[in-house]
Amino acid sequence: MKRTRPKLDDGAAFAGILLGILLGGIYAQLRINRRGAVRRRDLLEFGGASGELEMEATLQAAKRQARERQAAEN
């Protein structure tokens, strides 16, 4: 006797895909929210450090330009 696999009709296949997408999205959102607080803090610290580095680079560039102008005047 030959075994045959049961076939899903189109509605059941569509419902399964939709359910998978929905549950996957919920799982991903919960995972992001659970780890989001740590990441948010890290991003804020990194952003602060990045801002300080950018400000330092701007000050260095301004000092260099002032030195170049003074050297050009002399």
N, C-alpha and C. Protein backbone atom coordinates (compact mmCIF):
# COMPACT_ATOMS: atom_id res chain seq x y z
N MET A 1 0.84 -1.18 0.00
CA MET A 1 0.00 0.00 0.00
C MET A 1 0.89 1.24 0.00
N LYS A 2 0.64 2.12 -0.92
CA LYS A 2 1.44 3.33 -1.07
C LYS A 2 0.93 4.41 -0.12
N ARG A 3 1.90 4.99 0.60
CA ARG A 3 1.53 6.06 1.53
C ARG A 3 1.51 7.39 0.79
N THR A 4 0.55 8.17 1.07
CA THR A 4 0.47 9.51 0.47
C THR A 4 0.46 10.54 1.59
N ARG A 5 1.16 11.62 1.31
CA ARG A 5 1.18 12.70 2.29
C ARG A 5 -0.12 13.50 2.19
N PRO A 6 -0.65 13.89 3.31
CA PRO A 6 -1.84 14.74 3.23
C PRO A 6 -1.46 16.10 2.67
N LYS A 7 -2.26 16.64 1.83
CA LYS A 7 -1.98 17.93 1.22
C LYS A 7 -2.78 19.01 1.93
N LEU A 8 -2.11 20.13 2.12
CA LEU A 8 -2.79 21.28 2.71
C LEU A 8 -3.52 22.04 1.62
N ASP A 9 -4.67 22.51 1.93
CA ASP A 9 -5.33 23.37 0.95
C ASP A 9 -4.71 24.77 1.03
N ASP A 10 -5.00 25.59 0.07
CA ASP A 10 -4.37 26.91 0.00
C ASP A 10 -4.69 27.78 1.21
N GLY A 11 -5.88 27.68 1.71
CA GLY A 11 -6.26 28.49 2.87
C GLY A 11 -5.44 28.13 4.10
N ALA A 12 -5.22 26.84 4.33
CA ALA A 12 -4.45 26.41 5.49
C ALA A 12 -2.98 26.81 5.35
N ALA A 13 -2.44 26.71 4.15
CA ALA A 13 -1.05 27.11 3.92
C ALA A 13 -0.89 28.61 4.16
N PHE A 14 -1.82 29.39 3.65
CA PHE A 14 -1.78 30.84 3.84
C PHE A 14 -1.89 31.19 5.32
N ALA A 15 -2.79 30.52 6.02
CA ALA A 15 -2.97 30.79 7.45
C ALA A 15 -1.70 30.42 8.23
N GLY A 16 -1.04 29.34 7.85
CA GLY A 16 0.20 28.94 8.52
C GLY A 16 1.31 29.95 8.30
N ILE A 17 1.43 30.43 7.08
CA ILE A 17 2.45 31.44 6.78
C ILE A 17 2.16 32.73 7.55
N LEU A 18 0.92 33.15 7.54
CA LEU A 18 0.53 34.37 8.25
C LEU A 18 0.78 34.24 9.75
N LEU A 19 0.44 33.10 10.30
CA LEU A 19 0.67 32.86 11.73
C LEU A 19 2.16 32.88 12.05
N GLY A 20 2.97 32.28 11.18
CA GLY A 20 4.42 32.29 11.39
C GLY A 20 5.00 33.69 11.36
N ILE A 21 4.54 34.49 10.42
CA ILE A 21 5.01 35.88 10.34
C ILE A 21 4.61 36.66 11.58
N LEU A 22 3.37 36.48 12.00
CA LEU A 22 2.86 37.19 13.17
C LEU A 22 3.63 36.80 14.44
N LEU A 23 3.78 35.50 14.67
CA LEU A 23 4.48 35.05 15.86
C LEU A 23 5.96 35.42 15.81
N GLY A 24 6.56 35.34 14.64
CA GLY A 24 7.96 35.75 14.49
C GLY A 24 8.15 37.22 14.80
N GLY A 25 7.23 38.05 14.35
CA GLY A 25 7.31 39.48 14.63
C GLY A 25 7.16 39.78 16.11
N ILE A 26 6.23 39.09 16.76
CA ILE A 26 6.04 39.29 18.20
C ILE A 26 7.29 38.85 18.97
N TYR A 27 7.85 37.71 18.60
CA TYR A 27 9.06 37.22 19.26
C TYR A 27 10.22 38.20 19.06
N ALA A 28 10.38 38.70 17.85
CA ALA A 28 11.46 39.64 17.58
C ALA A 28 11.27 40.93 18.37
N GLN A 29 10.04 41.41 18.45
CA GLN A 29 9.78 42.65 19.19
C GLN A 29 10.06 42.47 20.68
N LEU A 30 9.66 41.35 21.24
CA LEU A 30 9.93 41.09 22.65
C LEU A 30 11.43 40.99 22.90
N ARG A 31 12.13 40.36 22.00
CA ARG A 31 13.58 40.21 22.14
C ARG A 31 14.27 41.56 22.05
N ILE A 32 13.83 42.40 21.13
CA ILE A 32 14.41 43.74 20.99
C ILE A 32 14.12 44.55 22.25
N ASN A 33 12.90 44.50 22.75
CA ASN A 33 12.55 45.28 23.93
C ASN A 33 13.32 44.83 25.15
N ARG A 34 13.54 43.51 25.27
CA ARG A 34 14.25 43.00 26.43
C ARG A 34 15.69 43.48 26.43
N ARG A 35 16.32 43.52 25.26
CA ARG A 35 17.71 43.93 25.18
C ARG A 35 17.85 45.40 24.85
N GLY A 36 16.73 46.07 24.59
CA GLY A 36 16.77 47.45 24.15
C GLY A 36 17.29 48.42 25.19
N ALA A 37 17.00 48.17 26.47
CA ALA A 37 17.44 49.10 27.51
C ALA A 37 18.96 49.15 27.58
N VAL A 38 19.59 48.01 27.49
CA VAL A 38 21.05 47.97 27.52
C VAL A 38 21.61 48.66 26.29
N ARG A 39 21.04 48.36 25.15
CA ARG A 39 21.53 48.97 23.92
C ARG A 39 21.31 50.48 23.92
N ARG A 40 20.18 50.92 24.44
CA ARG A 40 19.91 52.35 24.48
C ARG A 40 20.96 53.05 25.34
N ARG A 41 21.29 52.47 26.50
CA ARG A 41 22.30 53.06 27.37
C ARG A 41 23.66 53.09 26.68
N ASP A 42 24.01 51.97 26.03
CA ASP A 42 25.28 51.92 25.32
C ASP A 42 25.33 52.97 24.22
N LEU A 43 24.22 53.12 23.50
CA LEU A 43 24.19 54.09 22.42
C LEU A 43 24.32 55.51 22.95
N LEU A 44 23.68 55.78 24.10
CA LEU A 44 23.79 57.11 24.67
C LEU A 44 25.22 57.40 25.12
N GLU A 45 25.86 56.40 25.74
CA GLU A 45 27.25 56.59 26.15
C GLU A 45 28.15 56.77 24.94
N PHE A 46 27.93 55.95 23.92
CA PHE A 46 28.74 56.07 22.71
C PHE A 46 28.50 57.42 22.04
N GLY A 47 27.23 57.84 22.02
CA GLY A 47 26.91 59.13 21.43
C GLY A 47 27.58 60.27 22.17
N GLY A 48 27.62 60.18 23.51
CA GLY A 48 28.30 61.20 24.30
C GLY A 48 29.79 61.22 24.02
N ALA A 49 30.39 60.04 23.96
CA ALA A 49 31.82 59.95 23.67
C ALA A 49 32.09 60.46 22.26
N SER A 50 31.21 60.12 21.34
CA SER A 50 31.38 60.56 19.96
C SER A 50 31.28 62.08 19.87
N GLY A 51 30.35 62.65 20.62
CA GLY A 51 30.20 64.10 20.63
C GLY A 51 31.43 64.79 21.20
N GLU A 52 32.00 64.21 22.26
CA GLU A 52 33.21 64.78 22.86
C GLU A 52 34.37 64.71 21.88
N LEU A 53 34.51 63.58 21.19
CA LEU A 53 35.58 63.44 20.21
C LEU A 53 35.40 64.43 19.05
N GLU A 54 34.16 64.60 18.63
CA GLU A 54 33.89 65.54 17.53
C GLU A 54 34.21 66.97 17.96
N MET A 55 33.84 67.32 19.20
CA MET A 55 34.13 68.66 19.70
C MET A 55 35.64 68.87 19.79
N GLU A 56 36.35 67.87 20.27
CA GLU A 56 37.81 67.96 20.37
C GLU A 56 38.44 68.13 18.99
N ALA A 57 37.95 67.38 18.01
CA ALA A 57 38.47 67.50 16.65
C ALA A 57 38.18 68.88 16.07
N THR A 58 37.01 69.44 16.38
CA THR A 58 36.66 70.78 15.90
C THR A 58 37.58 71.82 16.53
N LEU A 59 37.85 71.68 17.82
CA LEU A 59 38.76 72.62 18.49
C LEU A 59 40.17 72.53 17.91
N GLN A 60 40.63 71.31 17.68
CA GLN A 60 41.96 71.12 17.09
C GLN A 60 42.04 71.75 15.70
N ALA A 61 40.99 71.58 14.91
CA ALA A 61 40.96 72.16 13.56
C ALA A 61 40.96 73.69 13.64
N ALA A 62 40.21 74.25 14.58
CA ALA A 62 40.18 75.71 14.74
C ALA A 62 41.55 76.24 15.15
N LYS A 63 42.22 75.54 16.07
CA LYS A 63 43.56 75.96 16.50
C LYS A 63 44.54 75.89 15.34
N ARG A 64 44.44 74.82 14.55
CA ARG A 64 45.34 74.65 13.40
C ARG A 64 45.12 75.77 12.39
N GLN A 65 43.85 76.09 12.11
CA GLN A 65 43.55 77.17 11.16
C GLN A 65 44.06 78.51 11.68
N ALA A 66 43.92 78.75 12.98
CA ALA A 66 44.41 80.01 13.56
C ALA A 66 45.93 80.10 13.42
N ARG A 67 46.62 78.97 13.69
CA ARG A 67 48.08 78.96 13.53
C ARG A 67 48.48 79.21 12.08
N GLU A 68 47.75 78.60 11.14
CA GLU A 68 48.06 78.79 9.72
C GLU A 68 47.83 80.24 9.29
N ARG A 69 46.76 80.86 9.79
CA ARG A 69 46.49 82.27 9.47
C ARG A 69 47.58 83.17 10.04
N GLN A 70 47.98 82.88 11.27
CA GLN A 70 49.02 83.69 11.91
C GLN A 70 50.34 83.52 11.17
N ALA A 71 50.65 82.30 10.74
CA ALA A 71 51.89 82.07 10.00
C ALA A 71 51.84 82.77 8.64
N ALA A 72 50.68 82.83 8.03
CA ALA A 72 50.54 83.50 6.73
C ALA A 72 50.68 85.01 6.88
N GLU A 73 50.23 85.56 8.01
CA GLU A 73 50.34 87.00 8.24
C GLU A 73 51.79 87.41 8.50
N ASN A 74 52.57 86.54 9.10
CA ASN A 74 53.96 86.88 9.45
C ASN A 74 54.86 86.67 8.31
